[in-house]
Amino acid sequence: MWYYNGFWGMNFIWWIIWILFITWIFATPWGYHRTRDTSYDILRKRFASGEITKEEYEEKKAILEQDFNKHNYTT
């Protein structure tokens, strides 16, 4: 059977479904803005969780700071 309406061939309910679907796509946070942890952040987490001792933490922190200062290209 042929039903004609003024909604370009789609029933009104299909327009509502499409609008809800498109709204859901753009309103859903996908997590693309998540930043990666730096090596210093990982080191702090390992120290906080007790994986490494204070001496290991200080030693590795000094290495990271030395590496950062070595590759710091600011003038």
C-alpha atoms as a PDB file:
ATOM      1  CA  MET A   1       0.000   0.000   0.000  1.00  0.00           C
ATOM      2  CA  TRP A   2       1.209   3.511  -0.734  1.00  0.00           C
ATOM      3  CA  TYR A   3       1.060   6.125   2.004  1.00  0.00           C
ATOM      4  CA  TYR A   4       1.915   9.675   1.182  1.00  0.00           C
ATOM      5  CA  ASN A   5       2.830  12.202   3.809  1.00  0.00           C
ATOM      6  CA  GLY A   6       4.710  15.455   3.837  1.00  0.00           C
ATOM      7  CA  PHE A   7       7.850  14.132   5.502  1.00  0.00           C
ATOM      8  CA  TRP A   8       9.826  13.319   2.324  1.00  0.00           C
ATOM      9  CA  GLY A   9       8.700   9.717   2.297  1.00  0.00           C
ATOM     10  CA  MET A  10       9.550   8.924   5.926  1.00  0.00           C
ATOM     11  CA  ASN A  11       7.048   8.546   8.693  1.00  0.00           C
ATOM     12  CA  PHE A  12       7.230  11.010  11.551  1.00  0.00           C
ATOM     13  CA  ILE A  13       8.524   8.351  13.960  1.00  0.00           C
ATOM     14  CA  TRP A  14      11.544   7.696  11.725  1.00  0.00           C
ATOM     15  CA  TRP A  15      12.477  11.391  11.840  1.00  0.00           C
ATOM     16  CA  ILE A  16      12.397  11.243  15.630  1.00  0.00           C
ATOM     17  CA  ILE A  17      14.558   8.108  15.651  1.00  0.00           C
ATOM     18  CA  TRP A  18      17.132   9.672  13.298  1.00  0.00           C
ATOM     19  CA  ILE A  19      17.282  12.902  15.304  1.00  0.00           C
ATOM     20  CA  LEU A  20      17.780  10.953  18.543  1.00  0.00           C
ATOM     21  CA  PHE A  21      20.466   8.795  16.919  1.00  0.00           C
ATOM     22  CA  ILE A  22      22.430  11.754  15.554  1.00  0.00           C
ATOM     23  CA  THR A  23      22.104  13.591  18.877  1.00  0.00           C
ATOM     24  CA  TRP A  24      23.405  10.515  20.691  1.00  0.00           C
ATOM     25  CA  ILE A  25      26.428  10.308  18.353  1.00  0.00           C
ATOM     26  CA  PHE A  26      27.467  13.912  18.969  1.00  0.00           C
ATOM     27  CA  ALA A  27      26.590  13.997  22.676  1.00  0.00           C
ATOM     28  CA  THR A  28      28.497  10.849  23.653  1.00  0.00           C
ATOM     29  CA  PRO A  29      31.923  11.551  25.135  1.00  0.00           C
ATOM     30  CA  TRP A  30      34.314   9.230  23.340  1.00  0.00           C
ATOM     31  CA  GLY A  31      37.472   9.871  25.391  1.00  0.00           C
ATOM     32  CA  TYR A  32      39.589  11.152  22.532  1.00  0.00           C
ATOM     33  CA  HIS A  33      40.792  13.996  24.725  1.00  0.00           C
ATOM     34  CA  ARG A  34      42.528  11.785  27.226  1.00  0.00           C
ATOM     35  CA  THR A  35      46.147  12.700  27.696  1.00  0.00           C
ATOM     36  CA  ARG A  36      48.904  10.183  28.134  1.00  0.00           C
ATOM     37  CA  ASP A  37      50.840   9.951  31.378  1.00  0.00           C
ATOM     38  CA  THR A  38      54.353  11.331  31.279  1.00  0.00           C
ATOM     39  CA  SER A  39      57.287   9.338  32.554  1.00  0.00           C
ATOM     40  CA  TYR A  40      57.368  11.508  35.659  1.00  0.00           C
ATOM     41  CA  ASP A  41      53.669  10.766  36.343  1.00  0.00           C
ATOM     42  CA  ILE A  42      54.337   7.040  36.036  1.00  0.00           C
ATOM     43  CA  LEU A  43      57.298   7.341  38.393  1.00  0.00           C
ATOM     44  CA  ARG A  44      55.186   9.185  40.981  1.00  0.00           C
ATOM     45  CA  LYS A  45      52.442   6.558  40.764  1.00  0.00           C
ATOM     46  CA  ARG A  46      54.942   3.742  41.236  1.00  0.00           C
ATOM     47  CA  PHE A  47      56.404   5.477  44.288  1.00  0.00           C
ATOM     48  CA  ALA A  48      52.954   6.175  45.727  1.00  0.00           C
ATOM     49  CA  SER A  49      51.863   2.555  45.290  1.00  0.00           C
ATOM     50  CA  GLY A  50      55.027   1.289  47.011  1.00  0.00           C
ATOM     51  CA  GLU A  51      56.570  -0.431  43.984  1.00  0.00           C
ATOM     52  CA  ILE A  52      59.837   1.460  44.403  1.00  0.00           C
ATOM     53  CA  THR A  53      61.666   2.843  47.430  1.00  0.00           C
ATOM     54  CA  LYS A  54      62.434   6.491  48.135  1.00  0.00           C
ATOM     55  CA  GLU A  55      66.043   6.019  47.037  1.00  0.00           C
ATOM     56  CA  GLU A  56      64.969   4.491  43.712  1.00  0.00           C
ATOM     57  CA  TYR A  57      62.457   7.286  43.275  1.00  0.00           C
ATOM     58  CA  GLU A  58      65.057  10.005  43.876  1.00  0.00           C
ATOM     59  CA  GLU A  59      67.546   8.290  41.556  1.00  0.00           C
ATOM     60  CA  LYS A  60      65.096   7.878  38.703  1.00  0.00           C
ATOM     61  CA  LYS A  61      63.741  11.412  39.212  1.00  0.00           C
ATOM     62  CA  ALA A  62      67.277  12.805  38.905  1.00  0.00           C
ATOM     63  CA  ILE A  63      67.767  10.861  35.677  1.00  0.00           C
ATOM     64  CA  LEU A  64      64.503  12.213  34.257  1.00  0.00           C
ATOM     65  CA  GLU A  65      65.391  15.787  35.227  1.00  0.00           C
ATOM     66  CA  GLN A  66      68.850  15.411  33.722  1.00  0.00           C
ATOM     67  CA  ASP A  67      67.342  14.044  30.509  1.00  0.00           C
ATOM     68  CA  PHE A  68      64.799  16.878  30.418  1.00  0.00           C
ATOM     69  CA  ASN A  69      67.496  19.515  30.883  1.00  0.00           C
ATOM     70  CA  LYS A  70      69.624  17.850  28.218  1.00  0.00           C
ATOM     71  CA  HIS A  71      66.812  17.971  25.627  1.00  0.00           C
ATOM     72  CA  ASN A  72      65.314  21.301  26.627  1.00  0.00           C
ATOM     73  CA  TYR A  73      65.652  23.457  23.524  1.00  0.00           C
ATOM     74  CA  THR A  74      64.345  26.720  24.923  1.00  0.00           C
ATOM     75  CA  THR A  75      66.558  29.778  24.536  1.00  0.00           C
END
